[in-house]
Amino acid sequence: MLAEAPAQESVVAAYGLDGFPFPLVVLALFVIVLCRAQGTYWVGRGVAAGVTRSERVRRLSEGPAMVRAIALLHRWGPIAVTLSFFTVGLQTVVNAAAGLVRMPWLRYTLFMLPGCVAWALIYATVGLGVFLAVVAAAAGSPWGVAGVVAILAAIAVLVVLRRRSRARDALAEAVPAQGSAAAE
């Protein structure tokens, strides 16, 4: 029995959870993802109800990611909500799409809860461990810090370039439409 204690302590230390009971970490992550998922669902419901008439929100709700998420919901039904928690980047869109298509709240919640549990367990073990390992590697080396900064800068540049490209495309579509209206 005494020989097991150091092994358990090293596992807890490996995930950076020293001082935090594992069940408490899982519970905290579960509450976080539950609030985020429900909030995203209700934002989708609000957009569907016409709460906001913002052009940006309209474009997001009709964008390619949302169209794919709605198609996924139509194809797989509410199980798509559960499975979305095993992905990175898709779960937010699927949760918003569930609200946008006005999936009944109780059905949505019943399929969301197992996904929240899975997400909390994944992030409390593997996800948190990877994150903490990256932070520790970056903090322990100037090259690590430079690498993280370079990656973040590259992501920022890609986001800016993508937005500019979309704005340019939208302008190009609008200009011929105005020109043809003036010609008539």
N, C-alpha and C. Protein backbone atom coordinates (compact mmCIF):
# COMPACT_ATOMS: atom_id res chain seq x y z
N MET A 1 0.82 -1.19 0.00
CA MET A 1 0.00 0.00 0.00
C MET A 1 0.87 1.26 0.00
N LEU A 2 1.96 1.27 0.78
CA LEU A 2 2.82 2.44 0.83
C LEU A 2 3.60 2.63 -0.46
N ALA A 3 3.86 1.55 -1.18
CA ALA A 3 4.60 1.66 -2.43
C ALA A 3 3.79 2.35 -3.52
N GLU A 4 2.45 2.34 -3.43
CA GLU A 4 1.60 2.94 -4.45
C GLU A 4 1.55 4.46 -4.34
N ALA A 5 1.73 5.00 -3.17
CA ALA A 5 1.59 6.44 -2.96
C ALA A 5 2.55 7.25 -3.83
N PRO A 6 3.85 6.93 -3.89
CA PRO A 6 4.73 7.73 -4.75
C PRO A 6 4.34 7.65 -6.22
N ALA A 7 3.88 6.49 -6.67
CA ALA A 7 3.48 6.37 -8.07
C ALA A 7 2.28 7.27 -8.36
N GLN A 8 1.31 7.32 -7.46
CA GLN A 8 0.15 8.18 -7.66
C GLN A 8 0.56 9.64 -7.61
N GLU A 9 1.45 9.99 -6.71
CA GLU A 9 1.91 11.38 -6.62
C GLU A 9 2.62 11.81 -7.90
N SER A 10 3.41 10.91 -8.50
CA SER A 10 4.12 11.29 -9.72
C SER A 10 3.15 11.47 -10.89
N VAL A 11 2.08 10.69 -10.93
CA VAL A 11 1.08 10.86 -11.99
C VAL A 11 0.39 12.21 -11.83
N VAL A 12 0.01 12.55 -10.61
CA VAL A 12 -0.64 13.83 -10.35
C VAL A 12 0.31 14.97 -10.69
N ALA A 13 1.57 14.84 -10.30
CA ALA A 13 2.55 15.88 -10.60
C ALA A 13 2.79 16.01 -12.10
N ALA A 14 2.74 14.90 -12.82
CA ALA A 14 2.97 14.94 -14.27
C ALA A 14 1.94 15.79 -14.98
N TYR A 15 0.73 15.82 -14.48
CA TYR A 15 -0.32 16.62 -15.09
C TYR A 15 -0.42 18.01 -14.49
N GLY A 16 0.48 18.37 -13.61
CA GLY A 16 0.48 19.70 -13.03
C GLY A 16 -0.66 19.92 -12.05
N LEU A 17 -1.17 18.85 -11.48
CA LEU A 17 -2.32 18.96 -10.61
C LEU A 17 -1.94 18.87 -9.13
N ASP A 18 -0.68 19.13 -8.82
CA ASP A 18 -0.25 19.11 -7.42
C ASP A 18 -1.14 20.03 -6.60
N GLY A 19 -1.68 19.49 -5.54
CA GLY A 19 -2.50 20.29 -4.65
C GLY A 19 -3.96 20.36 -5.03
N PHE A 20 -4.33 19.93 -6.21
CA PHE A 20 -5.73 19.94 -6.63
C PHE A 20 -6.22 18.51 -6.75
N PRO A 21 -7.27 18.16 -6.05
CA PRO A 21 -7.82 16.81 -6.20
C PRO A 21 -8.37 16.64 -7.62
N PHE A 22 -8.06 15.52 -8.23
CA PHE A 22 -8.48 15.25 -9.59
C PHE A 22 -9.99 15.42 -9.78
N PRO A 23 -10.84 14.89 -8.89
CA PRO A 23 -12.28 15.08 -9.07
C PRO A 23 -12.69 16.56 -9.09
N LEU A 24 -12.00 17.38 -8.32
CA LEU A 24 -12.30 18.81 -8.30
C LEU A 24 -11.94 19.46 -9.64
N VAL A 25 -10.82 19.06 -10.21
CA VAL A 25 -10.42 19.57 -11.52
C VAL A 25 -11.44 19.18 -12.57
N VAL A 26 -11.86 17.91 -12.56
CA VAL A 26 -12.86 17.44 -13.53
C VAL A 26 -14.17 18.20 -13.35
N LEU A 27 -14.59 18.39 -12.12
CA LEU A 27 -15.83 19.11 -11.84
C LEU A 27 -15.74 20.56 -12.33
N ALA A 28 -14.63 21.22 -12.07
CA ALA A 28 -14.46 22.60 -12.52
C ALA A 28 -14.51 22.69 -14.04
N LEU A 29 -13.81 21.78 -14.72
CA LEU A 29 -13.83 21.78 -16.19
C LEU A 29 -15.23 21.46 -16.71
N PHE A 30 -15.95 20.56 -16.04
CA PHE A 30 -17.31 20.23 -16.44
C PHE A 30 -18.21 21.46 -16.36
N VAL A 31 -18.11 22.21 -15.27
CA VAL A 31 -18.94 23.41 -15.10
C VAL A 31 -18.59 24.44 -16.18
N ILE A 32 -17.31 24.59 -16.46
CA ILE A 32 -16.87 25.55 -17.48
C ILE A 32 -17.46 25.18 -18.84
N VAL A 33 -17.32 23.92 -19.25
CA VAL A 33 -17.79 23.54 -20.57
C VAL A 33 -19.32 23.53 -20.62
N LEU A 34 -19.98 23.19 -19.52
CA LEU A 34 -21.44 23.22 -19.46
C LEU A 34 -21.94 24.65 -19.69
N CYS A 35 -21.36 25.61 -18.98
CA CYS A 35 -21.77 27.01 -19.14
C CYS A 35 -21.49 27.52 -20.55
N ARG A 36 -20.34 27.16 -21.08
CA ARG A 36 -19.99 27.61 -22.43
C ARG A 36 -20.92 27.01 -23.47
N ALA A 37 -21.21 25.72 -23.35
CA ALA A 37 -22.08 25.05 -24.33
C ALA A 37 -23.50 25.61 -24.25
N GLN A 38 -24.02 25.75 -23.04
CA GLN A 38 -25.38 26.30 -22.90
C GLN A 38 -25.43 27.74 -23.40
N GLY A 39 -24.41 28.52 -23.09
CA GLY A 39 -24.38 29.91 -23.57
C GLY A 39 -24.37 29.99 -25.08
N THR A 40 -23.58 29.13 -25.70
CA THR A 40 -23.50 29.13 -27.17
C THR A 40 -24.83 28.69 -27.77
N TYR A 41 -25.46 27.69 -27.15
CA TYR A 41 -26.78 27.24 -27.62
C TYR A 41 -27.78 28.39 -27.57
N TRP A 42 -27.79 29.11 -26.44
CA TRP A 42 -28.77 30.19 -26.29
C TRP A 42 -28.46 31.38 -27.18
N VAL A 43 -27.21 31.61 -27.51
CA VAL A 43 -26.88 32.64 -28.49
C VAL A 43 -27.47 32.24 -29.85
N GLY A 44 -27.33 30.97 -30.21
CA GLY A 44 -27.93 30.47 -31.45
C GLY A 44 -29.44 30.63 -31.44
N ARG A 45 -30.07 30.32 -30.31
CA ARG A 45 -31.53 30.50 -30.20
C ARG A 45 -31.90 31.98 -30.36
N GLY A 46 -31.09 32.86 -29.77
CA GLY A 46 -31.35 34.29 -29.89
C GLY A 46 -31.25 34.78 -31.32
N VAL A 47 -30.25 34.31 -32.03
CA VAL A 47 -30.09 34.68 -33.44
C VAL A 47 -31.29 34.16 -34.23
N ALA A 48 -31.71 32.93 -33.96
CA ALA A 48 -32.87 32.35 -34.65
C ALA A 48 -34.13 33.15 -34.38
N ALA A 49 -34.24 33.69 -33.18
CA ALA A 49 -35.42 34.48 -32.82
C ALA A 49 -35.32 35.92 -33.33
N GLY A 50 -34.19 36.29 -33.91
CA GLY A 50 -34.04 37.63 -34.45
C GLY A 50 -33.68 38.67 -33.41
N VAL A 51 -33.09 38.22 -32.30
CA VAL A 51 -32.72 39.14 -31.23
C VAL A 51 -31.72 40.16 -31.75
N THR A 52 -30.81 39.73 -32.57
CA THR A 52 -29.82 40.66 -33.12
C THR A 52 -29.97 40.71 -34.63
N ARG A 53 -29.87 41.88 -35.16
CA ARG A 53 -29.96 42.03 -36.61
C ARG A 53 -28.63 42.53 -37.17
N SER A 54 -27.56 42.27 -36.44
CA SER A 54 -26.23 42.69 -36.82
C SER A 54 -25.80 41.98 -38.11
N GLU A 55 -25.18 42.71 -39.00
CA GLU A 55 -24.70 42.14 -40.25
C GLU A 55 -23.64 41.06 -40.00
N ARG A 56 -22.78 41.33 -39.03
CA ARG A 56 -21.72 40.36 -38.72
C ARG A 56 -22.31 39.05 -38.21
N VAL A 57 -23.28 39.13 -37.31
CA VAL A 57 -23.92 37.93 -36.78
C VAL A 57 -24.64 37.19 -37.89
N ARG A 58 -25.30 37.92 -38.78
CA ARG A 58 -25.99 37.29 -39.91
C ARG A 58 -24.99 36.53 -40.79
N ARG A 59 -23.84 37.16 -41.07
CA ARG A 59 -22.82 36.50 -41.90
C ARG A 59 -22.29 35.25 -41.21
N LEU A 60 -22.06 35.32 -39.88
CA LEU A 60 -21.58 34.15 -39.16
C LEU A 60 -22.61 33.02 -39.16
N SER A 61 -23.89 33.39 -39.02
CA SER A 61 -24.93 32.36 -38.96
C SER A 61 -25.22 31.76 -40.33
N GLU A 62 -24.76 32.41 -41.39
CA GLU A 62 -24.96 31.86 -42.73
C GLU A 62 -23.64 31.42 -43.37
N GLY A 63 -22.55 31.47 -42.60
CA GLY A 63 -21.23 31.14 -43.12
C GLY A 63 -21.06 29.65 -43.37
N PRO A 64 -19.96 29.29 -44.04
CA PRO A 64 -19.73 27.89 -44.40
C PRO A 64 -19.60 26.96 -43.20
N ALA A 65 -19.01 27.43 -42.10
CA ALA A 65 -18.88 26.57 -40.92
C ALA A 65 -20.25 26.26 -40.34
N MET A 66 -21.11 27.26 -40.28
CA MET A 66 -22.45 27.05 -39.73
C MET A 66 -23.28 26.17 -40.66
N VAL A 67 -23.14 26.36 -41.95
CA VAL A 67 -23.87 25.53 -42.92
C VAL A 67 -23.46 24.06 -42.75
N ARG A 68 -22.15 23.81 -42.58
CA ARG A 68 -21.68 22.43 -42.36
C ARG A 68 -22.20 21.87 -41.05
N ALA A 69 -22.22 22.70 -40.00
CA ALA A 69 -22.70 22.23 -38.70
C ALA A 69 -24.19 21.90 -38.75
N ILE A 70 -24.96 22.72 -39.44
CA ILE A 70 -26.39 22.44 -39.57
C ILE A 70 -26.61 21.16 -40.37
N ALA A 71 -25.82 20.98 -41.44
CA ALA A 71 -25.92 19.74 -42.22
C ALA A 71 -25.56 18.53 -41.35
N LEU A 72 -24.56 18.68 -40.51
CA LEU A 72 -24.17 17.61 -39.60
C LEU A 72 -25.30 17.28 -38.63
N LEU A 73 -25.96 18.30 -38.12
CA LEU A 73 -27.10 18.08 -37.22
C LEU A 73 -28.25 17.39 -37.95
N HIS A 74 -28.51 17.80 -39.18
CA HIS A 74 -29.58 17.17 -39.94
C HIS A 74 -29.26 15.71 -40.25
N ARG A 75 -28.00 15.43 -40.49
CA ARG A 75 -27.61 14.06 -40.84
C ARG A 75 -27.57 13.14 -39.61
N TRP A 76 -26.94 13.60 -38.53
CA TRP A 76 -26.71 12.76 -37.36
C TRP A 76 -27.68 13.01 -36.22
N GLY A 77 -28.41 14.09 -36.25
CA GLY A 77 -29.33 14.40 -35.16
C GLY A 77 -28.59 14.86 -33.93
N PRO A 78 -29.21 14.72 -32.77
CA PRO A 78 -28.61 15.24 -31.54
C PRO A 78 -27.31 14.55 -31.14
N ILE A 79 -27.03 13.35 -31.66
CA ILE A 79 -25.76 12.68 -31.33
C ILE A 79 -24.57 13.51 -31.83
N ALA A 80 -24.81 14.35 -32.84
CA ALA A 80 -23.74 15.24 -33.33
C ALA A 80 -23.29 16.19 -32.23
N VAL A 81 -24.22 16.58 -31.35
CA VAL A 81 -23.87 17.46 -30.24
C VAL A 81 -22.89 16.74 -29.32
N THR A 82 -23.19 15.50 -28.96
CA THR A 82 -22.31 14.73 -28.09
C THR A 82 -20.94 14.54 -28.73
N LEU A 83 -20.92 14.13 -29.99
CA LEU A 83 -19.65 13.84 -30.67
C LEU A 83 -18.80 15.09 -30.91
N SER A 84 -19.45 16.25 -30.98
CA SER A 84 -18.70 17.49 -31.23
C SER A 84 -17.72 17.81 -30.10
N PHE A 85 -17.97 17.29 -28.91
CA PHE A 85 -17.08 17.57 -27.78
C PHE A 85 -15.76 16.81 -27.88
N PHE A 86 -15.66 15.90 -28.83
CA PHE A 86 -14.41 15.17 -29.06
C PHE A 86 -13.57 15.86 -30.13
N THR A 87 -13.99 17.02 -30.59
CA THR A 87 -13.28 17.73 -31.64
C THR A 87 -12.76 19.06 -31.11
N VAL A 88 -11.90 19.69 -31.87
CA VAL A 88 -11.42 21.03 -31.55
C VAL A 88 -11.96 21.95 -32.63
N GLY A 89 -12.70 22.95 -32.23
CA GLY A 89 -13.21 23.93 -33.17
C GLY A 89 -14.61 23.65 -33.68
N LEU A 90 -15.05 22.43 -33.65
CA LEU A 90 -16.37 22.10 -34.18
C LEU A 90 -17.46 22.22 -33.12
N GLN A 91 -17.12 22.00 -31.87
CA GLN A 91 -18.16 21.94 -30.85
C GLN A 91 -18.89 23.26 -30.69
N THR A 92 -18.20 24.38 -30.77
CA THR A 92 -18.86 25.68 -30.62
C THR A 92 -19.85 25.90 -31.74
N VAL A 93 -19.45 25.57 -32.96
CA VAL A 93 -20.33 25.77 -34.11
C VAL A 93 -21.53 24.84 -34.02
N VAL A 94 -21.33 23.60 -33.61
CA VAL A 94 -22.45 22.66 -33.49
C VAL A 94 -23.41 23.10 -32.40
N ASN A 95 -22.90 23.57 -31.27
CA ASN A 95 -23.77 24.06 -30.20
C ASN A 95 -24.59 25.26 -30.67
N ALA A 96 -23.96 26.19 -31.38
CA ALA A 96 -24.68 27.34 -31.91
C ALA A 96 -25.70 26.90 -32.96
N ALA A 97 -25.31 25.94 -33.79
CA ALA A 97 -26.23 25.44 -34.83
C ALA A 97 -27.44 24.77 -34.20
N ALA A 98 -27.24 24.06 -33.10
CA ALA A 98 -28.36 23.42 -32.40
C ALA A 98 -29.35 24.48 -31.94
N GLY A 99 -28.86 25.60 -31.46
CA GLY A 99 -29.75 26.69 -31.08
C GLY A 99 -30.39 27.35 -32.29
N LEU A 100 -29.60 27.51 -33.35
CA LEU A 100 -30.09 28.16 -34.56
C LEU A 100 -31.22 27.37 -35.21
N VAL A 101 -31.12 26.05 -35.20
CA VAL A 101 -32.19 25.22 -35.79
C VAL A 101 -33.29 24.94 -34.77
N ARG A 102 -33.16 25.54 -33.59
CA ARG A 102 -34.15 25.44 -32.51
C ARG A 102 -34.39 24.01 -32.04
N MET A 103 -33.27 23.28 -31.86
CA MET A 103 -33.39 21.94 -31.27
C MET A 103 -34.00 22.13 -29.89
N PRO A 104 -34.97 21.32 -29.52
CA PRO A 104 -35.57 21.48 -28.19
C PRO A 104 -34.51 21.43 -27.08
N TRP A 105 -34.65 22.33 -26.10
CA TRP A 105 -33.64 22.49 -25.06
C TRP A 105 -33.38 21.20 -24.31
N LEU A 106 -34.43 20.47 -23.92
CA LEU A 106 -34.24 19.26 -23.14
C LEU A 106 -33.46 18.21 -23.95
N ARG A 107 -33.81 18.03 -25.21
CA ARG A 107 -33.09 17.08 -26.06
C ARG A 107 -31.63 17.50 -26.21
N TYR A 108 -31.42 18.79 -26.48
CA TYR A 108 -30.06 19.30 -26.61
C TYR A 108 -29.26 19.03 -25.34
N THR A 109 -29.84 19.36 -24.20
CA THR A 109 -29.14 19.21 -22.92
C THR A 109 -28.83 17.75 -22.62
N LEU A 110 -29.77 16.85 -22.91
CA LEU A 110 -29.54 15.42 -22.65
C LEU A 110 -28.39 14.87 -23.49
N PHE A 111 -28.21 15.38 -24.70
CA PHE A 111 -27.11 14.93 -25.55
C PHE A 111 -25.83 15.73 -25.30
N MET A 112 -25.97 16.93 -24.72
CA MET A 112 -24.80 17.75 -24.41
C MET A 112 -24.08 17.24 -23.17
N LEU A 113 -24.82 16.78 -22.16
CA LEU A 113 -24.21 16.38 -20.89
C LEU A 113 -23.13 15.30 -21.03
N PRO A 114 -23.36 14.20 -21.77
CA PRO A 114 -22.28 13.21 -21.90
C PRO A 114 -21.05 13.80 -22.62
N GLY A 115 -21.29 14.71 -23.55
CA GLY A 115 -20.17 15.37 -24.22
C GLY A 115 -19.39 16.24 -23.27
N CYS A 116 -20.08 16.94 -22.36
CA CYS A 116 -19.40 17.77 -21.36
C CYS A 116 -18.56 16.92 -20.42
N VAL A 117 -19.09 15.78 -20.01
CA VAL A 117 -18.34 14.87 -19.13
C VAL A 117 -17.08 14.39 -19.85
N ALA A 118 -17.24 13.96 -21.10
CA ALA A 118 -16.08 13.47 -21.86
C ALA A 118 -15.04 14.57 -22.03
N TRP A 119 -15.50 15.78 -22.38
CA TRP A 119 -14.58 16.90 -22.58
C TRP A 119 -13.82 17.19 -21.29
N ALA A 120 -14.51 17.22 -20.16
CA ALA A 120 -13.86 17.51 -18.87
C ALA A 120 -12.82 16.45 -18.54
N LEU A 121 -13.15 15.18 -18.78
CA LEU A 121 -12.18 14.11 -18.50
C LEU A 121 -10.97 14.18 -19.43
N ILE A 122 -11.22 14.47 -20.70
CA ILE A 122 -10.11 14.59 -21.66
C ILE A 122 -9.18 15.74 -21.26
N TYR A 123 -9.76 16.89 -20.96
CA TYR A 123 -8.93 18.05 -20.64
C TYR A 123 -8.29 17.94 -19.26
N ALA A 124 -8.91 17.21 -18.35
CA ALA A 124 -8.32 17.05 -17.02
C ALA A 124 -7.14 16.09 -17.05
N THR A 125 -7.04 15.30 -18.09
CA THR A 125 -5.93 14.34 -18.18
C THR A 125 -5.01 14.75 -19.32
N VAL A 126 -5.28 14.27 -20.49
CA VAL A 126 -4.40 14.48 -21.64
C VAL A 126 -4.31 15.95 -22.04
N GLY A 127 -5.44 16.61 -22.18
CA GLY A 127 -5.45 17.99 -22.65
C GLY A 127 -4.69 18.94 -21.76
N LEU A 128 -4.94 18.88 -20.47
CA LEU A 128 -4.26 19.74 -19.52
C LEU A 128 -2.77 19.39 -19.44
N GLY A 129 -2.48 18.11 -19.52
CA GLY A 129 -1.08 17.67 -19.49
C GLY A 129 -0.28 18.22 -20.66
N VAL A 130 -0.87 18.16 -21.85
CA VAL A 130 -0.19 18.68 -23.05
C VAL A 130 -0.01 20.19 -22.93
N PHE A 131 -1.07 20.87 -22.51
CA PHE A 131 -0.98 22.32 -22.35
C PHE A 131 0.12 22.71 -21.38
N LEU A 132 0.14 22.06 -20.23
CA LEU A 132 1.15 22.38 -19.22
C LEU A 132 2.56 22.01 -19.68
N ALA A 133 2.69 20.95 -20.46
CA ALA A 133 4.00 20.58 -21.00
C ALA A 133 4.50 21.64 -21.97
N VAL A 134 3.62 22.16 -22.81
CA VAL A 134 4.00 23.21 -23.76
C VAL A 134 4.42 24.47 -23.01
N VAL A 135 3.64 24.84 -22.02
CA VAL A 135 3.97 26.04 -21.22
C VAL A 135 5.30 25.85 -20.51
N ALA A 136 5.52 24.68 -19.92
CA ALA A 136 6.77 24.42 -19.20
C ALA A 136 7.96 24.44 -20.15
N ALA A 137 7.78 23.86 -21.34
CA ALA A 137 8.88 23.85 -22.31
C ALA A 137 9.21 25.26 -22.77
N ALA A 138 8.17 26.05 -23.00
CA ALA A 138 8.39 27.42 -23.46
C ALA A 138 9.03 28.27 -22.36
N ALA A 139 8.58 28.08 -21.14
CA ALA A 139 9.09 28.89 -20.03
C ALA A 139 10.52 28.52 -19.67
N GLY A 140 10.92 27.30 -19.94
CA GLY A 140 12.24 26.84 -19.56
C GLY A 140 13.33 27.19 -20.57
N SER A 141 12.94 27.71 -21.71
CA SER A 141 13.93 27.97 -22.74
C SER A 141 13.57 29.25 -23.50
N PRO A 142 14.56 30.10 -23.77
CA PRO A 142 14.26 31.29 -24.57
C PRO A 142 13.81 30.92 -25.98
N TRP A 143 14.33 29.81 -26.50
CA TRP A 143 13.90 29.34 -27.83
C TRP A 143 12.45 28.85 -27.78
N GLY A 144 12.06 28.26 -26.67
CA GLY A 144 10.68 27.83 -26.51
C GLY A 144 9.72 29.01 -26.50
N VAL A 145 10.10 30.06 -25.77
CA VAL A 145 9.29 31.27 -25.74
C VAL A 145 9.22 31.88 -27.13
N ALA A 146 10.35 31.95 -27.82
CA ALA A 146 10.37 32.50 -29.17
C ALA A 146 9.49 31.67 -30.11
N GLY A 147 9.52 30.36 -29.96
CA GLY A 147 8.69 29.49 -30.80
C GLY A 147 7.21 29.72 -30.57
N VAL A 148 6.80 29.83 -29.32
CA VAL A 148 5.39 30.08 -29.01
C VAL A 148 4.97 31.44 -29.56
N VAL A 149 5.80 32.46 -29.37
CA VAL A 149 5.49 33.79 -29.90
C VAL A 149 5.40 33.75 -31.42
N ALA A 150 6.30 33.04 -32.07
CA ALA A 150 6.27 32.94 -33.53
C ALA A 150 4.99 32.24 -34.02
N ILE A 151 4.59 31.20 -33.33
CA ILE A 151 3.35 30.50 -33.71
C ILE A 151 2.14 31.41 -33.53
N LEU A 152 2.08 32.12 -32.41
CA LEU A 152 0.97 33.03 -32.17
C LEU A 152 0.94 34.16 -33.20
N ALA A 153 2.11 34.67 -33.56
CA ALA A 153 2.19 35.73 -34.57
C ALA A 153 1.73 35.21 -35.93
N ALA A 154 2.14 33.99 -36.27
CA ALA A 154 1.72 33.41 -37.55
C ALA A 154 0.20 33.23 -37.59
N ILE A 155 -0.38 32.80 -36.50
CA ILE A 155 -1.84 32.64 -36.44
C ILE A 155 -2.52 33.99 -36.60
N ALA A 156 -1.99 35.02 -35.94
CA ALA A 156 -2.58 36.36 -36.05
C ALA A 156 -2.50 36.87 -37.48
N VAL A 157 -1.36 36.67 -38.14
CA VAL A 157 -1.20 37.10 -39.53
C VAL A 157 -2.19 36.37 -40.43
N LEU A 158 -2.35 35.06 -40.24
CA LEU A 158 -3.29 34.30 -41.06
C LEU A 158 -4.72 34.78 -40.86
N VAL A 159 -5.10 35.10 -39.63
CA VAL A 159 -6.45 35.60 -39.36
C VAL A 159 -6.67 36.94 -40.06
N VAL A 160 -5.70 37.84 -39.95
CA VAL A 160 -5.83 39.16 -40.58
C VAL A 160 -5.90 39.01 -42.10
N LEU A 161 -5.04 38.20 -42.69
CA LEU A 161 -5.05 38.01 -44.14
C LEU A 161 -6.36 37.39 -44.61
N ARG A 162 -6.88 36.46 -43.85
CA ARG A 162 -8.15 35.82 -44.23
C ARG A 162 -9.30 36.82 -44.18
N ARG A 163 -9.33 37.65 -43.14
CA ARG A 163 -10.39 38.66 -43.05
C ARG A 163 -10.29 39.68 -44.18
N ARG A 164 -9.08 40.10 -44.49
CA ARG A 164 -8.90 41.06 -45.59
C ARG A 164 -9.35 40.45 -46.91
N SER A 165 -9.03 39.18 -47.12
CA SER A 165 -9.43 38.50 -48.33
C SER A 165 -10.95 38.42 -48.44
N ARG A 166 -11.61 38.10 -47.34
CA ARG A 166 -13.08 38.03 -47.34
C ARG A 166 -13.68 39.41 -47.61
N ALA A 167 -13.10 40.45 -47.00
CA ALA A 167 -13.60 41.81 -47.22
C ALA A 167 -13.42 42.21 -48.68
N ARG A 168 -12.27 41.86 -49.26
CA ARG A 168 -12.00 42.16 -50.66
C ARG A 168 -12.99 41.43 -51.56
N ASP A 169 -13.27 40.15 -51.27
CA ASP A 169 -14.22 39.38 -52.05
C ASP A 169 -15.63 39.96 -51.95
N ALA A 170 -16.02 40.38 -50.75
CA ALA A 170 -17.34 40.98 -50.56
C ALA A 170 -17.45 42.28 -51.33
N LEU A 171 -16.38 43.07 -51.33
CA LEU A 171 -16.37 44.32 -52.07
C LEU A 171 -16.44 44.06 -53.58
N ALA A 172 -15.71 43.06 -54.04
CA ALA A 172 -15.73 42.72 -55.46
C ALA A 172 -17.11 42.26 -55.92
N GLU A 173 -17.83 41.57 -55.05
CA GLU A 173 -19.19 41.14 -55.39
C GLU A 173 -20.16 42.32 -55.39
N ALA A 174 -19.96 43.27 -54.50
CA ALA A 174 -20.85 44.42 -54.39
C ALA A 174 -20.66 45.42 -55.51
N VAL A 175 -19.43 45.63 -55.97
CA VAL A 175 -19.14 46.64 -56.99
C VAL A 175 -19.82 46.32 -58.31
N PRO A 176 -19.72 45.11 -58.89
CA PRO A 176 -20.42 44.84 -60.14
C PRO A 176 -21.94 44.98 -59.98
N ALA A 177 -22.48 44.64 -58.84
CA ALA A 177 -23.93 44.74 -58.62
C ALA A 177 -24.36 46.20 -58.66
N GLN A 178 -23.55 47.09 -58.10
CA GLN A 178 -23.89 48.51 -58.14
C GLN A 178 -23.72 49.07 -59.55
N GLY A 179 -22.69 48.60 -60.23
CA GLY A 179 -22.44 49.08 -61.59
C GLY A 179 -23.55 48.67 -62.54
N SER A 180 -24.08 47.46 -62.41
CA SER A 180 -25.14 47.00 -63.29
C SER A 180 -26.45 47.71 -62.99
N ALA A 181 -26.65 48.09 -61.72
CA ALA A 181 -27.86 48.82 -61.34
C ALA A 181 -27.82 50.23 -61.91
N ALA A 182 -26.62 50.85 -61.98
CA ALA A 182 -26.46 52.19 -62.52
C ALA A 182 -26.64 52.19 -64.04
N ALA A 183 -26.27 51.10 -64.69
CA ALA A 183 -26.36 51.01 -66.14
C ALA A 183 -27.80 50.91 -66.60
N GLU A 184 -28.68 50.42 -65.77
CA GLU A 184 -30.08 50.25 -66.19
C GLU A 184 -30.78 51.51 -66.14
